[in-house]
Amino acid sequence: MLFNYLPLLVFLIMVVLFGTGMTVASTLLGPRRPTTAKGLPYECGIVPAGTARKRFSVSFYLTAMLFIVFDVEAIFLYPWAVLVRNTLHLFGFIEMLVFVALLGVALLYVWRKGALEWD
C-alpha cells in the first residue's frame, strides 16, 4: 500500500533538494554590491521620508483582526448557499440564521465598545 506513494515521496524530495540547491547557489554565486540606496525601504519610487519603524495605533490592528474574522465567517455563507435547498433544507436554514444572528450580535458588541472608531 505504501508503495503507491513512492512517486509522491520522490517528488517531494526532489522539490526540497531543488529549492535548497537554488537558494545555496544564489547565495554563493550571486554578486554582493551593497549600497545605501539598496538598503533603503522601497516606497513606489518616492524617496522615503522618516524612518521605516513607524508605530501604528492599536485600533489599526484591532480593525484588521475584526476584518479578518468577519471575512472568514462570510466565506462560510457560500457553501451553505449552494447546499441549503438540496441537502440542508429547513434545519440548515435555521442553523445559518442562528450563525448570522451571532455574527450580528458580535458586530453590535464591537461597535458599541468603540472598536471601529478611528479617533
PDB file of N, CA and C in Angstrom:
ATOM      1  N   MET A   1       0.823  -1.197   0.000  1.00  0.00           N
ATOM      2  CA  MET A   1       0.000   0.000   0.000  1.00  0.00           C
ATOM      3  C   MET A   1       0.867   1.260   0.000  1.00  0.00           C
ATOM      4  N   LEU A   2       1.906   1.294   0.808  1.00  0.00           N
ATOM      5  CA  LEU A   2       2.768   2.477   0.847  1.00  0.00           C
ATOM      6  C   LEU A   2       3.585   2.628  -0.427  1.00  0.00           C
ATOM      7  N   PHE A   3       3.715   1.539  -1.200  1.00  0.00           N
ATOM      8  CA  PHE A   3       4.471   1.592  -2.448  1.00  0.00           C
ATOM      9  C   PHE A   3       3.814   2.543  -3.440  1.00  0.00           C
ATOM     10  N   ASN A   4       2.491   2.738  -3.344  1.00  0.00           N
ATOM     11  CA  ASN A   4       1.778   3.648  -4.246  1.00  0.00           C
ATOM     12  C   ASN A   4       2.168   5.104  -4.017  1.00  0.00           C
ATOM     13  N   TYR A   5       2.671   5.431  -2.834  1.00  0.00           N
ATOM     14  CA  TYR A   5       3.059   6.808  -2.503  1.00  0.00           C
ATOM     15  C   TYR A   5       4.531   7.090  -2.797  1.00  0.00           C
ATOM     16  N   LEU A   6       5.253   6.126  -3.344  1.00  0.00           N
ATOM     17  CA  LEU A   6       6.676   6.313  -3.637  1.00  0.00           C
ATOM     18  C   LEU A   6       6.919   7.451  -4.632  1.00  0.00           C
ATOM     19  N   PRO A   7       6.158   7.566  -5.734  1.00  0.00           N
ATOM     20  CA  PRO A   7       6.389   8.713  -6.638  1.00  0.00           C
ATOM     21  C   PRO A   7       6.193  10.062  -5.954  1.00  0.00           C
ATOM     22  N   LEU A   8       5.217  10.150  -5.057  1.00  0.00           N
ATOM     23  CA  LEU A   8       4.998  11.398  -4.319  1.00  0.00           C
ATOM     24  C   LEU A   8       6.182  11.709  -3.415  1.00  0.00           C
ATOM     25  N   LEU A   9       6.704  10.695  -2.751  1.00  0.00           N
ATOM     26  CA  LEU A   9       7.871  10.891  -1.890  1.00  0.00           C
ATOM     27  C   LEU A   9       9.079  11.334  -2.696  1.00  0.00           C
ATOM     28  N   VAL A  10       9.305  10.709  -3.850  1.00  0.00           N
ATOM     29  CA  VAL A  10      10.431  11.095  -4.721  1.00  0.00           C
ATOM     30  C   VAL A  10      10.246  12.536  -5.187  1.00  0.00           C
ATOM     31  N   PHE A  11       9.027  12.901  -5.556  1.00  0.00           N
ATOM     32  CA  PHE A  11       8.754  14.264  -5.997  1.00  0.00           C
ATOM     33  C   PHE A  11       9.032  15.278  -4.887  1.00  0.00           C
ATOM     34  N   LEU A  12       8.574  14.991  -3.676  1.00  0.00           N
ATOM     35  CA  LEU A  12       8.805  15.907  -2.557  1.00  0.00           C
ATOM     36  C   LEU A  12      10.291  16.051  -2.242  1.00  0.00           C
ATOM     37  N   ILE A  13      11.017  14.958  -2.302  1.00  0.00           N
ATOM     38  CA  ILE A  13      12.473  15.014  -2.068  1.00  0.00           C
ATOM     39  C   ILE A  13      13.138  15.859  -3.137  1.00  0.00           C
ATOM     40  N   MET A  14      12.733  15.686  -4.395  1.00  0.00           N
ATOM     41  CA  MET A  14      13.331  16.479  -5.478  1.00  0.00           C
ATOM     42  C   MET A  14      12.998  17.966  -5.335  1.00  0.00           C
ATOM     43  N   VAL A  15      11.789  18.279  -4.915  1.00  0.00           N
ATOM     44  CA  VAL A  15      11.393  19.683  -4.727  1.00  0.00           C
ATOM     45  C   VAL A  15      12.223  20.328  -3.625  1.00  0.00           C
ATOM     46  N   VAL A  16      12.386  19.633  -2.503  1.00  0.00           N
ATOM     47  CA  VAL A  16      13.174  20.176  -1.393  1.00  0.00           C
ATOM     48  C   VAL A  16      14.629  20.349  -1.816  1.00  0.00           C
ATOM     49  N   LEU A  17      15.183  19.359  -2.505  1.00  0.00           N
ATOM     50  CA  LEU A  17      16.574  19.467  -2.958  1.00  0.00           C
ATOM     51  C   LEU A  17      16.749  20.602  -3.962  1.00  0.00           C
ATOM     52  N   PHE A  18      15.806  20.750  -4.887  1.00  0.00           N
ATOM     53  CA  PHE A  18      15.901  21.821  -5.873  1.00  0.00           C
ATOM     54  C   PHE A  18      15.813  23.195  -5.208  1.00  0.00           C
ATOM     55  N   GLY A  19      14.847  23.368  -4.316  1.00  0.00           N
ATOM     56  CA  GLY A  19      14.703  24.649  -3.625  1.00  0.00           C
ATOM     57  C   GLY A  19      15.928  24.991  -2.790  1.00  0.00           C
ATOM     58  N   THR A  20      16.418  24.007  -2.046  1.00  0.00           N
ATOM     59  CA  THR A  20      17.621  24.230  -1.237  1.00  0.00           C
ATOM     60  C   THR A  20      18.828  24.520  -2.120  1.00  0.00           C
ATOM     61  N   GLY A  21      18.953  23.766  -3.202  1.00  0.00           N
ATOM     62  CA  GLY A  21      20.086  23.965  -4.118  1.00  0.00           C
ATOM     63  C   GLY A  21      20.082  25.344  -4.750  1.00  0.00           C
ATOM     64  N   MET A  22      18.917  25.813  -5.174  1.00  0.00           N
ATOM     65  CA  MET A  22      18.838  27.136  -5.791  1.00  0.00           C
ATOM     66  C   MET A  22      19.143  28.245  -4.780  1.00  0.00           C
ATOM     67  N   THR A  23      18.684  28.079  -3.557  1.00  0.00           N
ATOM     68  CA  THR A  23      18.956  29.085  -2.525  1.00  0.00           C
ATOM     69  C   THR A  23      20.445  29.138  -2.207  1.00  0.00           C
ATOM     70  N   VAL A  24      21.064  27.985  -2.049  1.00  0.00           N
ATOM     71  CA  VAL A  24      22.503  27.931  -1.759  1.00  0.00           C
ATOM     72  C   VAL A  24      23.296  28.472  -2.942  1.00  0.00           C
ATOM     73  N   ALA A  25      22.918  28.095  -4.161  1.00  0.00           N
ATOM     74  CA  ALA A  25      23.648  28.568  -5.344  1.00  0.00           C
ATOM     75  C   ALA A  25      23.546  30.081  -5.492  1.00  0.00           C
ATOM     76  N   SER A  26      22.380  30.651  -5.270  1.00  0.00           N
ATOM     77  CA  SER A  26      22.260  32.109  -5.404  1.00  0.00           C
ATOM     78  C   SER A  26      23.028  32.832  -4.310  1.00  0.00           C
ATOM     79  N   THR A  27      23.122  32.220  -3.117  1.00  0.00           N
ATOM     80  CA  THR A  27      23.886  32.837  -2.039  1.00  0.00           C
ATOM     81  C   THR A  27      25.381  32.793  -2.347  1.00  0.00           C
ATOM     82  N   LEU A  28      25.863  31.683  -2.858  1.00  0.00           N
ATOM     83  CA  LEU A  28      27.291  31.523  -3.114  1.00  0.00           C
ATOM     84  C   LEU A  28      27.743  32.215  -4.397  1.00  0.00           C
ATOM     85  N   LEU A  29      26.940  32.174  -5.450  1.00  0.00           N
ATOM     86  CA  LEU A  29      27.367  32.677  -6.750  1.00  0.00           C
ATOM     87  C   LEU A  29      26.889  34.088  -7.052  1.00  0.00           C
ATOM     88  N   GLY A  30      25.907  34.585  -6.325  1.00  0.00           N
ATOM     89  CA  GLY A  30      25.346  35.898  -6.607  1.00  0.00           C
ATOM     90  C   GLY A  30      26.279  37.028  -6.213  1.00  0.00           C
ATOM     91  N   PRO A  31      26.247  38.139  -6.983  1.00  0.00           N
ATOM     92  CA  PRO A  31      27.113  39.280  -6.646  1.00  0.00           C
ATOM     93  C   PRO A  31      26.598  39.998  -5.395  1.00  0.00           C
ATOM     94  N   ARG A  32      27.549  40.530  -4.664  1.00  0.00           N
ATOM     95  CA  ARG A  32      27.208  41.294  -3.458  1.00  0.00           C
ATOM     96  C   ARG A  32      27.803  42.691  -3.597  1.00  0.00           C
ATOM     97  N   ARG A  33      26.944  43.647  -3.889  1.00  0.00           N
ATOM     98  CA  ARG A  33      27.377  45.038  -4.005  1.00  0.00           C
ATOM     99  C   ARG A  33      26.411  45.911  -3.207  1.00  0.00           C
ATOM    100  N   PRO A  34      26.556  45.920  -1.882  1.00  0.00           N
ATOM    101  CA  PRO A  34      25.606  46.714  -1.083  1.00  0.00           C
ATOM    102  C   PRO A  34      25.861  48.213  -1.245  1.00  0.00           C
ATOM    103  N   THR A  35      24.778  48.950  -1.371  1.00  0.00           N
ATOM    104  CA  THR A  35      24.846  50.412  -1.418  1.00  0.00           C
ATOM    105  C   THR A  35      23.792  50.963  -0.461  1.00  0.00           C
ATOM    106  N   THR A  36      23.889  52.241  -0.192  1.00  0.00           N
ATOM    107  CA  THR A  36      22.899  52.841   0.711  1.00  0.00           C
ATOM    108  C   THR A  36      21.518  52.879   0.065  1.00  0.00           C
ATOM    109  N   ALA A  37      21.478  53.042  -1.257  1.00  0.00           N
ATOM    110  CA  ALA A  37      20.188  53.078  -1.946  1.00  0.00           C
ATOM    111  C   ALA A  37      19.492  51.714  -1.865  1.00  0.00           C
ATOM    112  N   LYS A  38      20.254  50.642  -1.922  1.00  0.00           N
ATOM    113  CA  LYS A  38      19.659  49.307  -1.824  1.00  0.00           C
ATOM    114  C   LYS A  38      19.180  49.002  -0.412  1.00  0.00           C
ATOM    115  N   GLY A  39      19.765  49.642   0.555  1.00  0.00           N
ATOM    116  CA  GLY A  39      19.384  49.400   1.937  1.00  0.00           C
ATOM    117  C   GLY A  39      18.151  50.169   2.385  1.00  0.00           C
ATOM    118  N   LEU A  40      17.695  51.150   1.578  1.00  0.00           N
ATOM    119  CA  LEU A  40      16.521  51.937   1.927  1.00  0.00           C
ATOM    120  C   LEU A  40      15.245  51.165   1.625  1.00  0.00           C
ATOM    121  N   PRO A  41      14.196  51.390   2.397  1.00  0.00           N
ATOM    122  CA  PRO A  41      12.923  50.753   2.079  1.00  0.00           C
ATOM    123  C   PRO A  41      12.342  51.340   0.792  1.00  0.00           C
ATOM    124  N   TYR A  42      11.779  50.483  -0.047  1.00  0.00           N
ATOM    125  CA  TYR A  42      11.217  50.929  -1.317  1.00  0.00           C
ATOM    126  C   TYR A  42       9.784  51.395  -1.121  1.00  0.00           C
ATOM    127  N   GLU A  43       9.491  52.600  -1.559  1.00  0.00           N
ATOM    128  CA  GLU A  43       8.151  53.163  -1.418  1.00  0.00           C
ATOM    129  C   GLU A  43       7.684  53.715  -2.755  1.00  0.00           C
ATOM    130  N   CYS A  44       7.504  52.848  -3.721  1.00  0.00           N
ATOM    131  CA  CYS A  44       6.948  53.197  -5.032  1.00  0.00           C
ATOM    132  C   CYS A  44       7.759  54.271  -5.749  1.00  0.00           C
ATOM    133  N   GLY A  45       9.049  54.245  -5.634  1.00  0.00           N
ATOM    134  CA  GLY A  45       9.893  55.190  -6.332  1.00  0.00           C
ATOM    135  C   GLY A  45      10.026  56.533  -5.652  1.00  0.00           C
ATOM    136  N   ILE A  46       9.346  56.741  -4.546  1.00  0.00           N
ATOM    137  CA  ILE A  46       9.422  58.001  -3.814  1.00  0.00           C
ATOM    138  C   ILE A  46      10.534  57.881  -2.786  1.00  0.00           C
ATOM    139  N   VAL A  47      11.307  58.929  -2.656  1.00  0.00           N
ATOM    140  CA  VAL A  47      12.374  58.923  -1.658  1.00  0.00           C
ATOM    141  C   VAL A  47      11.742  58.855  -0.283  1.00  0.00           C
ATOM    142  N   PRO A  48      12.133  57.860   0.540  1.00  0.00           N
ATOM    143  CA  PRO A  48      11.498  57.708   1.850  1.00  0.00           C
ATOM    144  C   PRO A  48      11.758  58.906   2.755  1.00  0.00           C
ATOM    145  N   ALA A  49      10.720  59.306   3.463  1.00  0.00           N
ATOM    146  CA  ALA A  49      10.838  60.391   4.419  1.00  0.00           C
ATOM    147  C   ALA A  49      10.582  59.829   5.806  1.00  0.00           C
ATOM    148  N   GLY A  50      11.521  59.933   6.680  1.00  0.00           N
ATOM    149  CA  GLY A  50      11.356  59.405   8.029  1.00  0.00           C
ATOM    150  C   GLY A  50      11.857  57.973   8.139  1.00  0.00           C
ATOM    151  N   THR A  51      11.544  57.368   9.240  1.00  0.00           N
ATOM    152  CA  THR A  51      12.020  56.020   9.497  1.00  0.00           C
ATOM    153  C   THR A  51      10.977  54.986   9.059  1.00  0.00           C
ATOM    154  N   ALA A  52      11.439  53.788   8.789  1.00  0.00           N
ATOM    155  CA  ALA A  52      10.533  52.698   8.425  1.00  0.00           C
ATOM    156  C   ALA A  52       9.939  52.039   9.663  1.00  0.00           C
ATOM    157  N   ARG A  53      10.422  52.383  10.825  1.00  0.00           N
ATOM    158  CA  ARG A  53       9.963  51.796  12.086  1.00  0.00           C
ATOM    159  C   ARG A  53       8.889  52.658  12.733  1.00  0.00           C
ATOM    160  N   LYS A  54       7.836  52.953  11.979  1.00  0.00           N
ATOM    161  CA  LYS A  54       6.763  53.794  12.465  1.00  0.00           C
ATOM    162  C   LYS A  54       5.792  52.958  13.299  1.00  0.00           C
ATOM    163  N   ARG A  55       5.351  53.494  14.415  1.00  0.00           N
ATOM    164  CA  ARG A  55       4.388  52.799  15.273  1.00  0.00           C
ATOM    165  C   ARG A  55       2.982  53.052  14.767  1.00  0.00           C
ATOM    166  N   PHE A  56       2.185  51.985  14.777  1.00  0.00           N
ATOM    167  CA  PHE A  56       0.787  52.096  14.389  1.00  0.00           C
ATOM    168  C   PHE A  56      -0.077  52.033  15.628  1.00  0.00           C
ATOM    169  N   SER A  57      -1.235  52.621  15.530  1.00  0.00           N
ATOM    170  CA  SER A  57      -2.181  52.614  16.634  1.00  0.00           C
ATOM    171  C   SER A  57      -2.747  51.204  16.821  1.00  0.00           C
ATOM    172  N   VAL A  58      -3.120  50.881  18.035  1.00  0.00           N
ATOM    173  CA  VAL A  58      -3.707  49.577  18.329  1.00  0.00           C
ATOM    174  C   VAL A  58      -5.032  49.423  17.600  1.00  0.00           C
ATOM    175  N   SER A  59      -5.752  50.516  17.379  1.00  0.00           N
ATOM    176  CA  SER A  59      -7.038  50.430  16.684  1.00  0.00           C
ATOM    177  C   SER A  59      -6.858  49.937  15.250  1.00  0.00           C
ATOM    178  N   PHE A  60      -5.705  50.231  14.637  1.00  0.00           N
ATOM    179  CA  PHE A  60      -5.429  49.710  13.302  1.00  0.00           C
ATOM    180  C   PHE A  60      -5.393  48.194  13.320  1.00  0.00           C
ATOM    181  N   TYR A  61      -4.682  47.612  14.274  1.00  0.00           N
ATOM    182  CA  TYR A  61      -4.575  46.158  14.360  1.00  0.00           C
ATOM    183  C   TYR A  61      -5.916  45.538  14.751  1.00  0.00           C
ATOM    184  N   LEU A  62      -6.651  46.190  15.621  1.00  0.00           N
ATOM    185  CA  LEU A  62      -7.954  45.684  16.032  1.00  0.00           C
ATOM    186  C   LEU A  62      -8.917  45.652  14.853  1.00  0.00           C
ATOM    187  N   THR A  63      -8.922  46.706  14.055  1.00  0.00           N
ATOM    188  CA  THR A  63      -9.779  46.751  12.878  1.00  0.00           C
ATOM    189  C   THR A  63      -9.367  45.687  11.874  1.00  0.00           C
ATOM    190  N   ALA A  64      -8.066  45.486  11.707  1.00  0.00           N
ATOM    191  CA  ALA A  64      -7.592  44.450  10.787  1.00  0.00           C
ATOM    192  C   ALA A  64      -8.018  43.066  11.254  1.00  0.00           C
ATOM    193  N   MET A  65      -7.900  42.793  12.542  1.00  0.00           N
ATOM    194  CA  MET A  65      -8.323  41.487  13.065  1.00  0.00           C
ATOM    195  C   MET A  65      -9.825  41.293  12.913  1.00  0.00           C
ATOM    196  N   LEU A  66     -10.598  42.333  13.173  1.00  0.00           N
ATOM    197  CA  LEU A  66     -12.042  42.221  13.012  1.00  0.00           C
ATOM    198  C   LEU A  66     -12.422  41.986  11.553  1.00  0.00           C
ATOM    199  N   PHE A  67     -11.726  42.653  10.649  1.00  0.00           N
ATOM    200  CA  PHE A  67     -11.983  42.426   9.228  1.00  0.00           C
ATOM    201  C   PHE A  67     -11.714  40.976   8.868  1.00  0.00           C
ATOM    202  N   ILE A  68     -10.607  40.420   9.335  1.00  0.00           N
ATOM    203  CA  ILE A  68     -10.274  39.032   9.027  1.00  0.00           C
ATOM    204  C   ILE A  68     -11.317  38.088   9.609  1.00  0.00           C
ATOM    205  N   VAL A  69     -11.726  38.318  10.849  1.00  0.00           N
ATOM    206  CA  VAL A  69     -12.714  37.444  11.482  1.00  0.00           C
ATOM    207  C   VAL A  69     -14.024  37.458  10.698  1.00  0.00           C
ATOM    208  N   PHE A  70     -14.543  38.635  10.389  1.00  0.00           N
ATOM    209  CA  PHE A  70     -15.818  38.710   9.687  1.00  0.00           C
ATOM    210  C   PHE A  70     -15.688  38.271   8.235  1.00  0.00           C
ATOM    211  N   ASP A  71     -14.532  38.446   7.629  1.00  0.00           N
ATOM    212  CA  ASP A  71     -14.320  37.984   6.266  1.00  0.00           C
ATOM    213  C   ASP A  71     -14.302  36.461   6.214  1.00  0.00           C
ATOM    214  N   VAL A  72     -13.616  35.836   7.153  1.00  0.00           N
ATOM    215  CA  VAL A  72     -13.576  34.379   7.198  1.00  0.00           C
ATOM    216  C   VAL A  72     -14.966  33.812   7.476  1.00  0.00           C
ATOM    217  N   GLU A  73     -15.702  34.458   8.343  1.00  0.00           N
ATOM    218  CA  GLU A  73     -17.059  33.985   8.624  1.00  0.00           C
ATOM    219  C   GLU A  73     -17.950  34.134   7.396  1.00  0.00           C
ATOM    220  N   ALA A  74     -17.738  35.163   6.605  1.00  0.00           N
ATOM    221  CA  ALA A  74     -18.540  35.350   5.392  1.00  0.00           C
ATOM    222  C   ALA A  74     -18.248  34.263   4.363  1.00  0.00           C
ATOM    223  N   ILE A  75     -17.070  33.675   4.411  1.00  0.00           N
ATOM    224  CA  ILE A  75     -16.723  32.595   3.486  1.00  0.00           C
ATOM    225  C   ILE A  75     -17.631  31.392   3.703  1.00  0.00           C
ATOM    226  N   PHE A  76     -18.101  31.187   4.923  1.00  0.00           N
ATOM    227  CA  PHE A  76     -18.968  30.048   5.210  1.00  0.00           C
ATOM    228  C   PHE A  76     -20.354  30.200   4.582  1.00  0.00           C
ATOM    229  N   LEU A  77     -20.711  31.391   4.174  1.00  0.00           N
ATOM    230  CA  LEU A  77     -22.030  31.598   3.582  1.00  0.00           C
ATOM    231  C   LEU A  77     -22.144  30.995   2.185  1.00  0.00           C
ATOM    232  N   TYR A  78     -21.063  30.945   1.425  1.00  0.00           N
ATOM    233  CA  TYR A  78     -21.146  30.431   0.058  1.00  0.00           C
ATOM    234  C   TYR A  78     -21.453  28.935   0.005  1.00  0.00           C
ATOM    235  N   PRO A  79     -20.697  28.072   0.704  1.00  0.00           N
ATOM    236  CA  PRO A  79     -21.059  26.644   0.648  1.00  0.00           C
ATOM    237  C   PRO A  79     -22.463  26.386   1.195  1.00  0.00           C
ATOM    238  N   TRP A  80     -22.860  27.152   2.193  1.00  0.00           N
ATOM    239  CA  TRP A  80     -24.205  26.993   2.729  1.00  0.00           C
ATOM    240  C   TRP A  80     -25.239  27.332   1.659  1.00  0.00           C
ATOM    241  N   ALA A  81     -25.014  28.420   0.931  1.00  0.00           N
ATOM    242  CA  ALA A  81     -25.965  28.835  -0.093  1.00  0.00           C
ATOM    243  C   ALA A  81     -26.073  27.798  -1.208  1.00  0.00           C
ATOM    244  N   VAL A  82     -24.999  27.101  -1.491  1.00  0.00           N
ATOM    245  CA  VAL A  82     -25.026  26.075  -2.525  1.00  0.00           C
ATOM    246  C   VAL A  82     -25.816  24.854  -2.065  1.00  0.00           C
ATOM    247  N   LEU A  83     -25.688  24.491  -0.793  1.00  0.00           N
ATOM    248  CA  LEU A  83     -26.277  23.249  -0.298  1.00  0.00           C
ATOM    249  C   LEU A  83     -27.624  23.407   0.397  1.00  0.00           C
ATOM    250  N   VAL A  84     -28.080  24.600   0.658  1.00  0.00           N
ATOM    251  CA  VAL A  84     -29.252  24.779   1.512  1.00  0.00           C
ATOM    252  C   VAL A  84     -30.518  24.181   0.903  1.00  0.00           C
ATOM    253  N   ARG A  85     -30.755  24.353  -0.360  1.00  0.00           N
ATOM    254  CA  ARG A  85     -32.005  23.895  -0.950  1.00  0.00           C
ATOM    255  C   ARG A  85     -32.017  22.376  -1.169  1.00  0.00           C
ATOM    256  N   ASN A  86     -30.908  21.817  -1.639  1.00  0.00           N
ATOM    257  CA  ASN A  86     -30.894  20.398  -2.000  1.00  0.00           C
ATOM    258  C   ASN A  86     -30.610  19.465  -0.831  1.00  0.00           C
ATOM    259  N   THR A  87     -29.807  19.896   0.135  1.00  0.00           N
ATOM    260  CA  THR A  87     -29.333  18.987   1.166  1.00  0.00           C
ATOM    261  C   THR A  87     -29.758  19.388   2.574  1.00  0.00           C
ATOM    262  N   LEU A  88     -29.624  20.640   2.910  1.00  0.00           N
ATOM    263  CA  LEU A  88     -29.786  21.056   4.299  1.00  0.00           C
ATOM    264  C   LEU A  88     -31.238  21.340   4.687  1.00  0.00           C
ATOM    265  N   HIS A  89     -32.024  21.806   3.782  1.00  0.00           N
ATOM    266  CA  HIS A  89     -33.445  22.077   3.993  1.00  0.00           C
ATOM    267  C   HIS A  89     -33.675  23.076   5.134  1.00  0.00           C
ATOM    268  N   LEU A  90     -34.727  22.880   5.899  1.00  0.00           N
ATOM    269  CA  LEU A  90     -35.130  23.841   6.926  1.00  0.00           C
ATOM    270  C   LEU A  90     -34.122  23.902   8.078  1.00  0.00           C
ATOM    271  N   PHE A  91     -33.575  22.756   8.477  1.00  0.00           N
ATOM    272  CA  PHE A  91     -32.601  22.758   9.568  1.00  0.00           C
ATOM    273  C   PHE A  91     -31.371  23.597   9.226  1.00  0.00           C
ATOM    274  N   GLY A  92     -30.864  23.448   8.000  1.00  0.00           N
ATOM    275  CA  GLY A  92     -29.705  24.240   7.569  1.00  0.00           C
ATOM    276  C   GLY A  92     -30.016  25.722   7.508  1.00  0.00           C
ATOM    277  N   PHE A  93     -31.248  26.054   7.114  1.00  0.00           N
ATOM    278  CA  PHE A  93     -31.638  27.456   7.060  1.00  0.00           C
ATOM    279  C   PHE A  93     -31.692  28.060   8.457  1.00  0.00           C
ATOM    280  N   ILE A  94     -32.285  27.353   9.396  1.00  0.00           N
ATOM    281  CA  ILE A  94     -32.370  27.850  10.777  1.00  0.00           C
ATOM    282  C   ILE A  94     -30.982  27.940  11.396  1.00  0.00           C
ATOM    283  N   GLU A  95     -30.143  26.947  11.112  1.00  0.00           N
ATOM    284  CA  GLU A  95     -28.778  26.970  11.638  1.00  0.00           C
ATOM    285  C   GLU A  95     -28.015  28.185  11.130  1.00  0.00           C
ATOM    286  N   MET A  96     -28.171  28.528   9.855  1.00  0.00           N
ATOM    287  CA  MET A  96     -27.475  29.690   9.309  1.00  0.00           C
ATOM    288  C   MET A  96     -28.063  30.980   9.850  1.00  0.00           C
ATOM    289  N   LEU A  97     -29.367  31.017  10.125  1.00  0.00           N
ATOM    290  CA  LEU A  97     -29.953  32.202  10.753  1.00  0.00           C
ATOM    291  C   LEU A  97     -29.346  32.432  12.138  1.00  0.00           C
ATOM    292  N   VAL A  98     -29.150  31.363  12.892  1.00  0.00           N
ATOM    293  CA  VAL A  98     -28.513  31.482  14.206  1.00  0.00           C
ATOM    294  C   VAL A  98     -27.074  31.976  14.046  1.00  0.00           C
ATOM    295  N   PHE A  99     -26.360  31.440  13.044  1.00  0.00           N
ATOM    296  CA  PHE A  99     -24.970  31.837  12.786  1.00  0.00           C
ATOM    297  C   PHE A  99     -24.881  33.318  12.440  1.00  0.00           C
ATOM    298  N   VAL A 100     -25.738  33.775  11.544  1.00  0.00           N
ATOM    299  CA  VAL A 100     -25.724  35.186  11.135  1.00  0.00           C
ATOM    300  C   VAL A 100     -26.166  36.078  12.292  1.00  0.00           C
ATOM    301  N   ALA A 101     -27.092  35.600  13.107  1.00  0.00           N
ATOM    302  CA  ALA A 101     -27.518  36.385  14.275  1.00  0.00           C
ATOM    303  C   ALA A 101     -26.370  36.540  15.265  1.00  0.00           C
ATOM    304  N   LEU A 102     -25.608  35.473  15.476  1.00  0.00           N
ATOM    305  CA  LEU A 102     -24.439  35.574  16.362  1.00  0.00           C
ATOM    306  C   LEU A 102     -23.396  36.535  15.805  1.00  0.00           C
ATOM    307  N   LEU A 103     -23.197  36.508  14.489  1.00  0.00           N
ATOM    308  CA  LEU A 103     -22.281  37.476  13.881  1.00  0.00           C
ATOM    309  C   LEU A 103     -22.793  38.894  14.052  1.00  0.00           C
ATOM    310  N   GLY A 104     -24.089  39.082  13.916  1.00  0.00           N
ATOM    311  CA  GLY A 104     -24.668  40.403  14.121  1.00  0.00           C
ATOM    312  C   GLY A 104     -24.507  40.889  15.547  1.00  0.00           C
ATOM    313  N   VAL A 105     -24.704  39.995  16.505  1.00  0.00           N
ATOM    314  CA  VAL A 105     -24.512  40.359  17.916  1.00  0.00           C
ATOM    315  C   VAL A 105     -23.050  40.715  18.166  1.00  0.00           C
ATOM    316  N   ALA A 106     -22.129  39.942  17.586  1.00  0.00           N
ATOM    317  CA  ALA A 106     -20.701  40.243  17.757  1.00  0.00           C
ATOM    318  C   ALA A 106     -20.349  41.590  17.154  1.00  0.00           C
ATOM    319  N   LEU A 107     -20.878  41.871  15.974  1.00  0.00           N
ATOM    320  CA  LEU A 107     -20.618  43.172  15.349  1.00  0.00           C
ATOM    321  C   LEU A 107     -21.215  44.310  16.167  1.00  0.00           C
ATOM    322  N   LEU A 108     -22.412  44.121  16.682  1.00  0.00           N
ATOM    323  CA  LEU A 108     -23.026  45.142  17.527  1.00  0.00           C
ATOM    324  C   LEU A 108     -22.199  45.380  18.790  1.00  0.00           C
ATOM    325  N   TYR A 109     -21.696  44.313  19.387  1.00  0.00           N
ATOM    326  CA  TYR A 109     -20.867  44.441  20.589  1.00  0.00           C
ATOM    327  C   TYR A 109     -19.584  45.220  20.286  1.00  0.00           C
ATOM    328  N   VAL A 110     -18.936  44.870  19.183  1.00  0.00           N
ATOM    329  CA  VAL A 110     -17.689  45.556  18.804  1.00  0.00           C
ATOM    330  C   VAL A 110     -17.973  47.022  18.515  1.00  0.00           C
ATOM    331  N   TRP A 111     -19.080  47.288  17.860  1.00  0.00           N
ATOM    332  CA  TRP A 111     -19.455  48.655  17.528  1.00  0.00           C
ATOM    333  C   TRP A 111     -19.729  49.466  18.786  1.00  0.00           C
ATOM    334  N   ARG A 112     -20.462  48.883  19.743  1.00  0.00           N
ATOM    335  CA  ARG A 112     -20.784  49.583  20.996  1.00  0.00           C
ATOM    336  C   ARG A 112     -19.545  49.825  21.853  1.00  0.00           C
ATOM    337  N   LYS A 113     -18.569  48.927  21.777  1.00  0.00           N
ATOM    338  CA  LYS A 113     -17.322  49.097  22.535  1.00  0.00           C
ATOM    339  C   LYS A 113     -16.421  50.165  21.919  1.00  0.00           C
ATOM    340  N   GLY A 114     -16.716  50.603  20.691  1.00  0.00           N
ATOM    341  CA  GLY A 114     -15.932  51.648  20.057  1.00  0.00           C
ATOM    342  C   GLY A 114     -14.716  51.139  19.312  1.00  0.00           C
ATOM    343  N   ALA A 115     -14.695  49.848  18.978  1.00  0.00           N
ATOM    344  CA  ALA A 115     -13.525  49.287  18.295  1.00  0.00           C
ATOM    345  C   ALA A 115     -13.429  49.750  16.850  1.00  0.00           C
ATOM    346  N   LEU A 116     -14.505  50.265  16.299  1.00  0.00           N
ATOM    347  CA  LEU A 116     -14.491  50.706  14.907  1.00  0.00           C
ATOM    348  C   LEU A 116     -14.251  52.203  14.771  1.00  0.00           C
ATOM    349  N   GLU A 117     -14.012  52.891  15.860  1.00  0.00           N
ATOM    350  CA  GLU A 117     -13.738  54.329  15.833  1.00  0.00           C
ATOM    351  C   GLU A 117     -12.270  54.568  15.487  1.00  0.00           C
ATOM    352  N   TRP A 118     -12.006  55.615  14.692  1.00  0.00           N
ATOM    353  CA  TRP A 118     -10.644  55.932  14.274  1.00  0.00           C
ATOM    354  C   TRP A 118     -10.140  57.236  14.901  1.00  0.00           C
ATOM    355  N   ASP A 119     -10.529  57.539  16.093  1.00  0.00           N
ATOM    356  CA  ASP A 119     -10.103  58.794  16.734  1.00  0.00           C
ATOM    357  C   ASP A 119      -8.643  58.769  17.072  1.00  0.00           C
TER     358      ASP A 119
END
